[in-house]
Protein backbone atom coordinates (compact mmCIF):
# COMPACT_ATOMS: atom_id res chain seq x y z
CA MET A 1 0.00 0.00 0.00
CA GLY A 2 1.47 3.33 -1.02
CA ILE A 3 1.38 6.46 1.12
CA ASN A 4 0.50 9.86 -0.32
CA TRP A 5 2.57 12.11 1.93
CA ARG A 6 0.63 15.24 0.98
CA HIS A 7 -2.34 13.92 2.94
CA TRP A 8 -0.44 13.23 6.17
CA ALA A 9 -1.75 15.35 9.04
CA TRP A 10 0.83 14.23 11.61
CA ALA A 11 4.55 13.69 11.73
CA ALA A 12 5.83 10.14 11.33
CA THR A 13 8.52 8.79 13.65
CA PRO A 14 10.75 5.77 12.92
CA LEU A 15 8.37 3.66 15.03
CA THR A 16 5.26 4.69 13.12
CA LEU A 17 6.99 4.29 9.77
CA ALA A 18 7.99 0.75 10.69
CA LEU A 19 4.43 -0.06 11.66
CA LEU A 20 3.04 1.44 8.47
CA ALA A 21 5.40 -0.62 6.37
CA THR A 22 3.84 -3.84 7.71
CA THR A 23 0.21 -2.85 7.25
CA GLY A 24 -2.09 -4.74 4.93
CA CYS A 25 -5.83 -4.46 4.27
CA GLU A 26 -8.62 -6.98 3.86
CA GLY A 27 -11.95 -7.13 2.10
CA ALA A 28 -15.34 -6.84 3.78
CA HIS A 29 -16.32 -9.52 6.24
CA GLY A 30 -20.04 -9.10 5.67
CA THR A 31 -22.53 -9.71 8.46
CA ARG A 32 -21.51 -11.07 11.83
CA ALA A 33 -21.11 -14.84 11.90
CA LYS A 34 -19.16 -17.27 14.03
CA PRO A 35 -15.93 -18.20 12.30
CA THR A 36 -15.34 -21.91 11.82
CA ALA A 37 -11.59 -21.40 11.70
CA ALA A 38 -9.31 -18.78 13.14
CA PRO A 39 -8.96 -15.90 10.67
CA THR A 40 -5.61 -14.22 10.25
CA ALA A 41 -5.17 -10.58 11.19
CA SER A 42 -3.48 -8.32 8.70
CA GLY A 43 -0.13 -6.84 9.64
CA ALA A 44 2.90 -8.03 11.51
CA LEU A 45 1.39 -7.79 14.99
CA SER A 46 -1.10 -10.64 14.60
CA THR A 47 -1.30 -13.22 17.38
CA PRO A 48 -1.92 -16.97 17.08
CA VAL A 49 -5.24 -18.12 18.49
CA ALA A 50 -6.32 -21.00 20.71
CA ARG A 51 -8.42 -23.31 18.52
CA VAL A 52 -9.56 -25.26 21.55
CA CYS A 53 -13.19 -25.98 20.67
CA ALA A 54 -12.44 -27.48 17.26
CA GLU A 55 -9.33 -29.33 18.42
CA PRO A 56 -9.84 -30.42 22.07
CA ALA A 57 -7.05 -32.32 23.76
CA ALA A 58 -7.77 -35.94 24.60
CA GLY A 59 -7.49 -37.41 28.07
CA PRO A 60 -5.91 -40.74 29.06
CA THR A 61 -7.44 -43.82 27.44
CA ARG A 62 -6.65 -45.91 30.51
CA ALA A 63 -6.92 -45.22 34.21
CA PRO A 64 -3.63 -43.94 35.67
CA ALA A 65 -2.03 -46.11 38.33
CA GLY A 66 -3.95 -45.87 41.58
CA ALA A 67 -6.88 -43.97 40.05
CA VAL A 68 -10.50 -44.75 40.92
CA ALA A 69 -12.51 -45.56 37.78
CA VAL A 70 -15.95 -43.94 37.47
CA ASP A 71 -18.71 -45.80 35.59
CA PRO A 72 -21.05 -43.72 33.40
CA ALA A 73 -23.71 -46.46 33.59
CA VAL A 74 -24.15 -45.85 37.33
CA VAL A 75 -26.11 -42.67 38.01
CA GLY A 76 -24.34 -40.61 40.66
CA ASP A 77 -21.19 -42.76 40.62
CA LEU A 78 -18.84 -39.76 40.41
CA ALA A 79 -20.33 -37.95 43.42
CA ALA A 80 -20.56 -41.16 45.48
CA LYS A 81 -16.98 -42.27 44.85
CA THR A 82 -15.72 -38.76 45.60
CA LYS A 83 -17.51 -38.91 48.96
CA ASP A 84 -16.22 -42.38 49.77
CA ASN A 85 -12.54 -41.77 49.03
CA PRO A 86 -9.92 -39.74 50.95
CA PRO A 87 -8.41 -36.43 49.87
CA ASN A 88 -5.80 -36.43 47.10
CA THR A 89 -7.54 -39.18 45.16
CA THR A 90 -7.38 -39.37 41.36
CA PHE A 91 -10.62 -40.24 39.56
CA TRP A 92 -10.72 -41.41 35.95
CA LEU A 93 -14.04 -41.00 34.19
CA ARG A 94 -14.64 -43.72 31.62
CA PRO A 95 -15.90 -42.80 28.15
CA GLY A 96 -19.62 -42.07 28.08
CA ARG A 97 -22.29 -39.80 29.57
CA HIS A 98 -21.94 -39.44 33.32
CA ARG A 99 -24.97 -38.24 35.31
CA LEU A 100 -25.62 -36.98 38.79
CA ALA A 101 -28.62 -37.88 40.90
CA PRO A 102 -31.90 -36.35 39.63
CA ASP A 103 -31.87 -33.65 42.31
CA ARG A 104 -31.33 -30.05 41.28
CA TYR A 105 -28.72 -29.58 44.03
CA ALA A 106 -26.84 -32.84 43.39
CA GLN A 107 -23.20 -32.09 42.65
CA VAL A 108 -19.65 -33.37 43.08
CA ILE A 109 -18.01 -32.08 46.28
CA PRO A 110 -14.26 -32.73 45.95
CA LYS A 111 -11.87 -33.11 48.83
CA GLU A 112 -8.58 -31.24 48.99
CA GLY A 113 -6.15 -32.27 46.29
CA ASP A 114 -8.60 -34.45 44.35
CA ARG A 115 -7.91 -34.88 40.65
CA TYR A 116 -10.45 -35.67 37.93
CA LEU A 117 -9.38 -36.93 34.50
CA GLY A 118 -11.77 -37.65 31.67
CA ALA A 119 -11.15 -40.37 29.12
CA PRO A 120 -11.79 -39.49 25.48
CA GLY A 121 -15.55 -39.06 25.16
CA ALA A 122 -16.22 -38.57 28.88
CA VAL A 123 -19.11 -36.13 29.44
CA LEU A 124 -20.69 -34.93 32.67
CA ASP A 125 -24.27 -34.07 31.68
CA GLY A 126 -26.57 -32.03 33.91
CA ARG A 127 -29.57 -32.94 31.70
CA LYS A 128 -31.07 -29.49 32.33
CA GLU A 129 -31.88 -30.75 35.84
CA ASN A 130 -28.79 -30.23 38.01
CA GLN A 131 -27.62 -26.72 38.85
CA TYR A 132 -23.97 -27.38 39.65
CA ALA A 133 -21.30 -29.83 38.53
CA PHE A 134 -18.41 -29.25 40.99
CA GLY A 135 -18.71 -27.23 44.21
CA GLY A 136 -17.51 -26.97 47.79
CA SER A 137 -14.57 -25.27 49.48
CA ALA A 138 -11.80 -27.86 49.00
CA ARG A 139 -8.51 -26.40 47.84
CA ASN A 140 -6.16 -27.46 45.05
CA VAL A 141 -8.60 -29.51 42.99
CA THR A 142 -7.65 -30.42 39.41
CA ILE A 143 -10.09 -31.20 36.59
CA ARG A 144 -8.86 -32.11 33.11
CA TYR A 145 -10.12 -33.55 29.79
CA LEU A 146 -13.85 -33.51 30.48
CA THR A 147 -16.94 -32.08 28.82
CA VAL A 148 -19.39 -30.43 31.23
CA ARG A 149 -22.72 -29.51 29.68
CA ARG A 150 -26.41 -28.76 30.22
CA PHE A 151 -26.32 -27.58 33.85
CA VAL A 152 -28.73 -24.86 34.92
CA ALA A 153 -26.94 -22.55 37.35
CA PRO A 154 -28.93 -19.44 38.35
CA GLN A 155 -27.96 -15.95 37.25
CA ASN A 156 -24.48 -14.90 38.44
CA GLU A 157 -23.70 -18.43 39.67
CA GLY A 158 -21.48 -21.00 38.01
CA VAL A 159 -21.32 -24.69 37.16
CA VAL A 160 -17.66 -25.64 37.75
CA ASN A 161 -16.07 -24.46 41.03
CA HIS A 162 -19.43 -23.08 42.00
CA ASP A 163 -18.18 -21.89 45.42
CA SER A 164 -15.00 -20.20 44.11
CA ALA A 165 -12.60 -22.37 46.09
CA ASP A 166 -8.88 -21.63 45.91
CA GLY A 167 -6.11 -23.25 43.96
CA TRP A 168 -8.17 -25.13 41.36
CA VAL A 169 -6.59 -26.11 38.06
CA ILE A 170 -9.07 -26.31 35.17
CA GLU A 171 -7.44 -27.55 31.96
CA HIS A 172 -8.62 -29.01 28.66
CA LEU A 173 -12.30 -28.89 29.59
CA THR A 174 -15.19 -28.18 27.27
CA ILE A 175 -17.78 -26.30 29.34
CA ARG A 176 -20.74 -25.56 27.14
CA ASP A 177 -24.49 -25.12 26.88
CA ASN A 178 -24.98 -24.33 30.56
CA SER A 179 -27.06 -21.62 32.21
CA GLY A 180 -25.35 -18.99 34.34
CA ALA A 181 -21.55 -19.06 34.13
CA GLY A 182 -19.68 -22.09 32.89
CA LEU A 183 -16.94 -21.56 35.46
CA MET A 184 -16.29 -19.57 38.64
CA ALA A 185 -12.85 -18.63 39.99
CA GLY A 186 -10.97 -18.47 43.26
CA ALA A 187 -7.52 -17.41 44.39
CA HIS A 188 -4.47 -18.99 42.74
CA GLN A 189 -6.69 -20.58 40.09
CA ARG A 190 -5.36 -21.70 36.71
CA VAL A 191 -7.75 -21.82 33.75
CA ARG A 192 -5.88 -23.12 30.72
CA ALA A 193 -6.71 -24.47 27.27
CA ASN A 194 -10.46 -24.81 27.83
CA CYS A 195 -13.39 -24.35 25.48
CA LEU A 196 -15.90 -22.10 27.28
CA ARG A 197 -18.74 -22.06 24.80
CA ASP A 198 -22.39 -21.04 24.46
CA ASN A 199 -23.09 -20.62 28.16
CA GLY A 200 -26.14 -18.66 29.22
CA GLN A 201 -24.41 -15.74 30.94
CA TYR A 202 -20.59 -15.95 31.07
CA GLY A 203 -17.92 -18.36 30.03
CA LEU A 204 -16.07 -17.45 33.25
CA ASN A 205 -17.33 -15.38 36.18
CA ALA A 206 -14.26 -14.48 38.25
CA TYR A 207 -16.14 -13.55 41.39
CA ARG A 208 -16.15 -14.69 44.99
CA ASN A 209 -18.94 -13.90 47.38
CA GLY A 210 -17.59 -12.09 50.42
CA GLY A 211 -14.52 -10.36 49.09
CA PRO A 212 -11.62 -10.03 46.65
CA PHE A 213 -9.10 -12.71 45.72
CA SER A 214 -5.64 -12.79 44.17
CA ASP A 215 -3.58 -14.52 41.52
CA LEU A 216 -5.67 -15.75 38.61
CA VAL A 217 -4.34 -17.10 35.31
CA VAL A 218 -6.62 -17.36 32.27
CA GLU A 219 -4.46 -18.69 29.44
CA GLY A 220 -4.94 -20.28 26.04
CA ASN A 221 -8.71 -20.67 26.22
CA GLU A 222 -11.31 -20.30 23.50
CA ILE A 223 -14.18 -18.24 24.89
CA VAL A 224 -16.99 -18.11 22.35
CA GLY A 225 -20.71 -17.56 22.00
CA ASN A 226 -21.48 -16.85 25.66
CA ASN A 227 -24.47 -14.92 27.02
CA THR A 228 -26.95 -16.99 25.05
CA GLY A 229 -29.53 -15.76 27.57
CA ASP A 230 -29.05 -12.17 26.32
CA TRP A 231 -29.13 -10.83 29.87
CA GLU A 232 -28.64 -7.17 29.03
CA ARG A 233 -31.89 -7.16 27.10
CA ARG A 234 -33.72 -9.06 29.83
CA ARG A 235 -32.32 -6.77 32.54
CA PRO A 236 -31.08 -3.55 30.90
CA GLY A 237 -28.07 -2.03 32.61
CA CYS A 238 -27.30 -5.13 34.66
CA GLY A 239 -23.64 -5.20 33.53
CA CYS A 240 -23.84 -8.97 33.75
CA THR A 241 -22.88 -10.42 30.39
CA GLY A 242 -20.07 -11.43 28.10
CA GLY A 243 -17.24 -13.83 27.64
CA VAL A 244 -15.47 -13.24 30.99
CA LYS A 245 -16.32 -10.96 33.92
CA PHE A 246 -13.74 -10.15 36.61
CA TRP A 247 -14.77 -8.74 39.98
CA ALA A 248 -12.26 -7.53 42.60
CA VAL A 249 -9.38 -9.67 41.34
CA ASN A 250 -5.89 -8.64 42.36
CA ARG A 251 -3.13 -9.70 39.98
CA ALA A 252 -4.39 -11.54 36.93
CA GLU A 253 -2.73 -12.89 33.79
CA VAL A 254 -5.07 -13.02 30.79
CA ARG A 255 -3.02 -14.20 27.84
CA GLY A 256 -3.18 -16.16 24.65
CA ASN A 257 -6.97 -16.53 24.60
CA TRP A 258 -9.30 -16.44 21.60
CA VAL A 259 -12.31 -14.43 22.76
CA HIS A 260 -14.86 -14.18 19.99
CA ASP A 261 -18.51 -13.98 19.02
CA ASN A 262 -19.79 -13.40 22.52
CA ARG A 263 -23.10 -11.59 22.93
CA GLY A 264 -21.88 -8.56 24.85
CA ALA A 265 -18.33 -7.68 25.85
CA GLY A 266 -15.45 -10.06 25.32
CA LEU A 267 -13.52 -9.31 28.55
CA TRP A 268 -14.96 -7.12 31.32
CA ALA A 269 -13.13 -6.20 34.55
CA ASP A 270 -15.56 -4.45 36.87
CA THR A 271 -14.99 -2.94 40.34
CA ASN A 272 -11.65 -2.82 42.16
CA ASN A 273 -9.62 -5.10 39.97
CA ASN A 274 -5.90 -4.39 40.04
CA ASP A 275 -2.61 -5.43 38.46
CA PHE A 276 -3.85 -7.09 35.27
CA ARG A 277 -1.74 -8.17 32.33
CA ILE A 278 -3.90 -8.67 29.26
CA GLU A 279 -1.63 -9.76 26.43
CA ASP A 280 -1.31 -11.86 23.28
CA ASN A 281 -5.06 -12.40 22.97
CA VAL A 282 -7.18 -12.39 19.83
CA ILE A 283 -10.45 -10.63 20.64
CA GLU A 284 -12.86 -10.40 17.76
CA ALA A 285 -16.45 -10.24 16.57
CA ASN A 286 -17.97 -9.70 20.00
CA ASP A 287 -21.30 -7.85 19.99
CA GLY A 288 -19.99 -5.33 22.51
CA ALA A 289 -16.59 -4.00 23.49
CA ALA A 290 -13.54 -6.20 23.20
CA LEU A 291 -12.39 -5.04 26.64
CA ILE A 292 -13.98 -3.00 29.42
CA TYR A 293 -11.81 -2.01 32.39
CA GLU A 294 -14.14 -0.34 34.89
CA THR A 295 -13.57 1.25 38.32
CA SER A 296 -10.26 -0.61 38.49
CA TYR A 297 -6.54 0.03 38.71
CA ASN A 298 -3.09 -0.55 37.18
CA ALA A 299 -2.93 -2.75 34.08
CA VAL A 300 -0.80 -3.60 31.06
CA ILE A 301 -2.72 -4.26 27.83
CA ARG A 302 -0.32 -5.26 25.07
CA ASN A 303 0.24 -7.34 21.95
CA ASN A 304 -3.44 -8.08 21.41
CA THR A 305 -5.19 -8.41 18.06
CA ILE A 306 -8.61 -6.78 18.38
CA ARG A 307 -10.88 -7.03 15.33
CA ARG A 308 -14.50 -6.42 14.33
CA ASN A 309 -15.84 -5.84 17.84
CA ASN A 310 -18.76 -3.70 19.03
CA TRP A 311 -20.62 -3.70 15.73
CA VAL A 312 -23.95 -4.74 17.25
CA GLU A 313 -23.98 -2.54 20.35
CA GLY A 314 -22.27 0.38 18.64
CA ARG A 315 -24.70 0.48 15.79
CA ARG A 316 -27.65 0.07 18.15
CA ALA A 317 -26.46 3.16 20.07
CA ALA A 318 -25.91 5.17 16.90
CA ASP A 319 -29.34 4.27 15.57
CA ARG A 320 -30.98 5.63 18.70
CA GLY A 321 -29.03 8.88 18.35
CA ASP A 322 -26.66 8.41 21.28
CA ASP A 323 -23.56 10.57 20.74
CA PHE A 324 -21.38 8.80 23.32
CA PRO A 325 -18.26 7.23 21.73
CA PHE A 326 -18.97 3.61 22.69
CA ALA A 327 -15.55 2.05 22.36
CA THR A 328 -13.89 -1.23 21.58
CA VAL A 329 -11.43 -0.71 24.44
CA TYR A 330 -13.32 1.17 27.14
CA LEU A 331 -11.68 2.46 30.32
CA SER A 332 -14.36 3.68 32.68
CA GLU A 333 -13.19 5.34 35.91
CA SER A 334 -10.00 3.29 35.76
CA GLY A 335 -6.39 4.39 35.89
CA GLY A 336 -2.94 4.04 37.32
CA GLU A 337 -2.57 4.54 41.05
CA PRO A 338 0.91 4.37 42.63
CA ARG A 339 -0.56 3.88 46.11
CA VAL A 340 -2.15 0.56 45.12
CA ARG A 341 0.59 -2.06 44.97
CA ALA A 342 1.02 -3.59 41.52
CA ARG A 343 3.67 -4.39 38.91
CA THR A 344 2.89 -1.05 37.25
CA ASP A 345 1.59 2.27 38.51
CA ARG A 346 -0.32 3.16 35.35
CA ILE A 347 -2.51 1.66 32.67
CA GLU A 348 -0.33 1.09 29.64
CA ILE A 349 -1.87 0.13 26.29
CA TYR A 350 0.72 -0.62 23.64
CA ARG A 351 1.67 -2.76 20.62
CA ASN A 352 -1.94 -3.72 19.93
CA VAL A 353 -3.64 -3.96 16.55
CA LEU A 354 -7.20 -2.60 16.53
CA GLU A 355 -8.71 -3.32 13.16
CA ASN A 356 -12.19 -2.50 11.86
CA ASN A 357 -13.91 -2.16 15.19
CA TRP A 358 -16.71 0.23 16.08
CA ASN A 359 -14.65 3.08 17.55
CA GLY A 360 -11.25 2.76 19.16
CA ILE A 361 -10.27 3.58 22.76
CA THR A 362 -12.40 5.69 25.08
CA LEU A 363 -11.22 7.02 28.44
CA TRP A 364 -14.25 8.03 30.48
CA GLU A 365 -14.97 9.33 33.94
CA ASN A 366 -18.50 9.82 35.25
CA ALA A 367 -18.44 12.96 37.36
CA ASP A 368 -21.37 11.72 39.44
CA ARG A 369 -19.89 8.31 40.22
CA PHE A 370 -17.90 8.03 43.43
CA CYS A 371 -17.96 6.16 46.71
CA ASN A 372 -21.34 6.60 48.48
CA SER A 373 -22.88 8.43 45.55
CA PRO A 374 -26.36 7.26 44.56
CA ALA A 375 -25.05 7.33 40.98
CA ASN A 376 -22.45 4.64 41.71
CA THR A 377 -23.72 1.50 39.99
CA SER A 378 -21.22 -0.58 42.00
CA SER A 379 -23.39 0.08 45.03
CA GLY A 380 -21.78 -0.66 48.38
CA ASP A 381 -18.23 -0.56 47.00
CA CYS A 382 -15.67 2.11 47.76
CA THR A 383 -12.27 2.76 46.20
CA LEU A 384 -9.20 0.79 47.25
CA LEU A 385 -7.83 3.95 48.87
CA VAL A 386 -10.57 4.40 51.46
CA ARG A 387 -10.94 1.99 54.37
CA ASP A 388 -13.34 4.18 56.32
CA THR A 389 -16.19 4.72 53.88
CA GLY A 390 -17.59 7.36 56.21
CA ARG A 391 -14.99 9.70 54.77
CA CYS A 392 -16.95 9.62 51.53
CA ALA A 393 -20.40 10.18 53.02
CA GLU A 394 -22.30 13.44 53.12
CA PRO A 395 -21.24 15.86 54.56
CA ALA A 396 -17.70 14.54 55.08
CA ILE A 397 -16.97 14.32 51.36
CA ALA A 398 -17.73 18.00 50.95
CA ARG A 399 -14.62 18.72 53.03
CA ALA A 400 -12.43 16.32 51.00
CA PRO A 401 -10.05 17.56 48.28
CA LEU A 402 -11.79 17.93 44.95
CA TYR A 403 -10.05 14.94 43.40
CA GLY A 404 -9.75 12.98 46.62
CA ASP A 405 -9.66 9.29 47.28
CA CYS A 406 -13.44 8.84 47.09
CA ARG A 407 -13.27 8.80 43.28
CA TRP A 408 -12.19 6.11 40.87
CA LYS A 409 -10.14 8.23 38.48
CA THR A 410 -9.19 7.72 34.86
CA GLN A 411 -5.60 8.83 35.17
CA ARG A 412 -2.06 7.87 34.17
CA VAL A 413 -3.18 6.05 31.01
CA ASP A 414 -0.42 5.71 28.39
CA ILE A 415 -1.53 4.65 24.88
CA HIS A 416 1.35 4.20 22.45
CA GLY A 417 2.78 2.07 19.68
CA ASN A 418 -0.64 0.79 18.55
CA ARG A 419 -2.04 0.44 15.05
CA PHE A 420 -5.63 1.60 14.53
CA VAL A 421 -7.25 0.59 11.24
CA LEU A 422 -10.71 1.67 10.09
CA ASP A 423 -12.14 0.74 6.70
CA GLU A 424 -15.69 2.07 6.54
CA SER A 425 -16.47 -0.29 3.67
CA VAL A 426 -15.96 -3.15 6.14
CA VAL A 427 -17.51 -1.73 9.31
CA PRO A 428 -21.33 -1.41 9.01
CA CYS A 429 -21.05 2.24 9.96
CA THR A 430 -24.01 4.59 10.09
CA ALA A 431 -22.43 7.25 12.32
CA LYS A 432 -20.03 7.66 15.23
CA CYS A 433 -17.97 4.52 14.56
CA ASP A 434 -14.64 6.30 13.99
CA ARG A 435 -13.61 7.85 17.29
CA MET A 436 -10.97 7.97 19.99
CA ALA A 437 -12.05 9.77 23.11
CA VAL A 438 -11.08 11.14 26.51
CA LEU A 439 -14.06 12.75 28.23
CA ALA A 440 -16.43 13.11 31.16
CA ASN A 441 -19.94 14.36 31.79
CA TYR A 442 -20.71 17.53 33.70
CA GLY A 443 -21.34 16.75 37.35
CA THR A 444 -24.90 17.40 38.50
CA TYR A 445 -25.85 14.71 41.02
CA PRO A 446 -26.34 14.35 43.95
CA GLY A 447 -26.86 17.90 45.13
CA TRP A 448 -24.16 17.62 47.81
CA SER A 449 -21.51 16.31 45.41
CA PRO A 450 -18.24 18.27 45.33
CA TYR A 451 -17.67 17.16 41.72
CA GLN A 452 -20.25 19.32 39.96
CA GLY A 453 -19.79 21.27 36.75
CA GLU A 454 -16.91 20.82 34.27
CA ARG A 455 -14.24 20.03 36.83
CA VAL A 456 -13.94 16.30 36.15
CA ALA A 457 -13.98 16.84 32.36
CA GLU A 458 -11.20 19.39 32.69
CA ALA A 459 -9.16 17.06 34.87
CA ILE A 460 -9.42 13.92 32.70
CA THR A 461 -8.38 15.86 29.59
CA GLY A 462 -5.86 18.22 31.14
CA THR A 463 -4.26 17.19 34.42
CA GLN A 464 -4.64 13.44 34.96
CA HIS A 465 -1.75 12.43 32.68
CA ASN A 466 -3.70 10.56 30.02
CA ARG A 467 -1.67 10.43 26.82
CA TRP A 468 -1.78 9.01 23.30
CA HIS A 469 1.55 9.08 21.45
CA ASP A 470 3.54 7.28 18.73
CA ASN A 471 0.54 5.46 17.26
CA VAL A 472 -0.43 4.78 13.65
CA TYR A 473 -3.94 5.62 12.38
CA LEU A 474 -5.19 4.29 9.07
CA GLY A 475 -8.59 5.56 8.02
CA PRO A 476 -10.87 8.56 8.70
CA TRP A 477 -10.41 8.83 12.47
CA LYS A 478 -11.96 11.57 14.60
CA PHE A 479 -11.29 12.47 18.22
CA VAL A 480 -13.47 13.49 21.16
CA ALA A 481 -12.14 15.45 24.12
CA HIS A 482 -13.61 16.90 27.32
CA ASP A 483 -17.28 16.02 26.58
CA PRO A 484 -19.27 14.32 23.78
CA SER A 485 -19.94 17.59 21.95
CA ARG A 486 -16.25 18.29 21.23
CA VAL A 487 -15.47 16.26 18.12
CA LEU A 488 -12.01 17.13 16.81
CA ASP A 489 -10.00 16.58 13.69
CA SER A 490 -6.42 15.42 13.96
CA GLY A 491 -5.00 18.93 14.00
CA GLN A 492 -7.23 20.01 16.87
CA TRP A 493 -6.43 16.79 18.76
CA ARG A 494 -2.70 17.48 18.41
CA GLY A 495 -2.98 21.17 19.12
CA THR A 496 -3.57 23.28 22.19
CA PRO A 497 -5.00 22.56 24.72
CA TYR A 498 -5.10 18.76 24.26
CA ARG A 499 -1.68 18.07 22.72
CA GLN A 500 -2.37 14.38 22.09
CA ASP A 501 -0.62 11.89 19.82
CA ALA A 502 2.83 13.43 19.61
CA GLY A 503 4.94 11.37 17.22
CA SER A 504 1.90 9.60 15.75
CA ALA A 505 0.96 9.27 12.10
CA LEU A 506 -2.41 9.42 10.36
CA ASP A 507 -3.36 8.49 6.81
CA PRO A 508 -7.13 9.05 6.43
CA ARG A 509 -7.15 7.31 3.02
CA ALA A 510 -5.42 4.13 4.13
CA GLY A 511 -8.16 2.22 5.91
CA GLY A 512 -9.10 0.12 2.93
């Protein structure tokens, strides 16, 4: 692809020139459909994907030495043998369809250190009768090479590790066609090389009732087609859908996953998450955002291929006349905070390819959302900087510094070395699909809030150290700053007072 230098609006650095030299373009993808094979991303920054669902790993064909064999012909055999054997027992599930007792609460309750291995063709089937497959509080349980299907967990609950016990290893499972979440998570959990497919709410709900937990690895999974129950339409504004939802997780590695064709967001970290590394993933064709990082802290987001996301939800918003820049990577009240211990003290987004999504990256801060505000949708939660929540109650908050610790702040976000591609002949764009943004609303509520007026909008755009630089833009990109009404061209975005994207390059004709 040639470059017509007369149409460049920005200066090109050696980094941006190197990125431009590797850029290719593709034809239209047409309407949204689940890919049967992993498509290749254009450009040199593409990432291999985890084809787990089409190519599942096979378990042992014979029982390992000392293992207890489980008979699929005996209803409830798995739960009964687990109960009758001591901790640290290995169970080998023979080929066939294994069933629990016909009681909605029947489930397998492992003991500490138990290990479950499925033979090729071993399936644990809830028959649309049982709610949970594996539960209880035992630590260090391992489950491998098993299909778990057709369980009916309630909303926000999960089928495997229902009680979010610690130290579980979940590998080479196919967890599909269940209600609720296919899988829950606890501390020190490892979720690797699984197919989390077509579950009613989430593929994985990383949540534990009663408090936060630490050290979660989600690696090499295929996470596809989840939220078949379409919960956001059933309960608008619930924030309860997508491929994976993380709640109050400290230190997480999310790498090498293929997150695609979920109804809703692909990955969503919501409320007091911290110290995430989200890297080497392929995130594509999700109805909503590829990634939402909300009221959370300190993350590295790098080396991801992010393609064709947010078409459904973005177009729905545009068609109803909403002028908010609904983004593919959406940071909502999230930023770097040196006082919260992590491997980084900022949110750094770099070396990603964002190609033919509905909008790009939006940094947002709701002026009315803070600890103890009625406008805080994470009701009951306060920031990680405030132990005594009374400090954030009326009238105490009125005496706090304007940008005090009662707010989740979108600050210290560094966006650099990324490639943003937009071909409007590919994206089903009606309006407002071509934007980067850093903005806030004007504070109005509640009446005693100290954050009223333009103050938060001025801070997020001017003083909270949010910066784009050294990126490459291909296509007709626009920029939004301060509030939704301020739509800028590249010159205004680079100029005073915003001074964004130093060292970046833009070719508005190069998206196709």
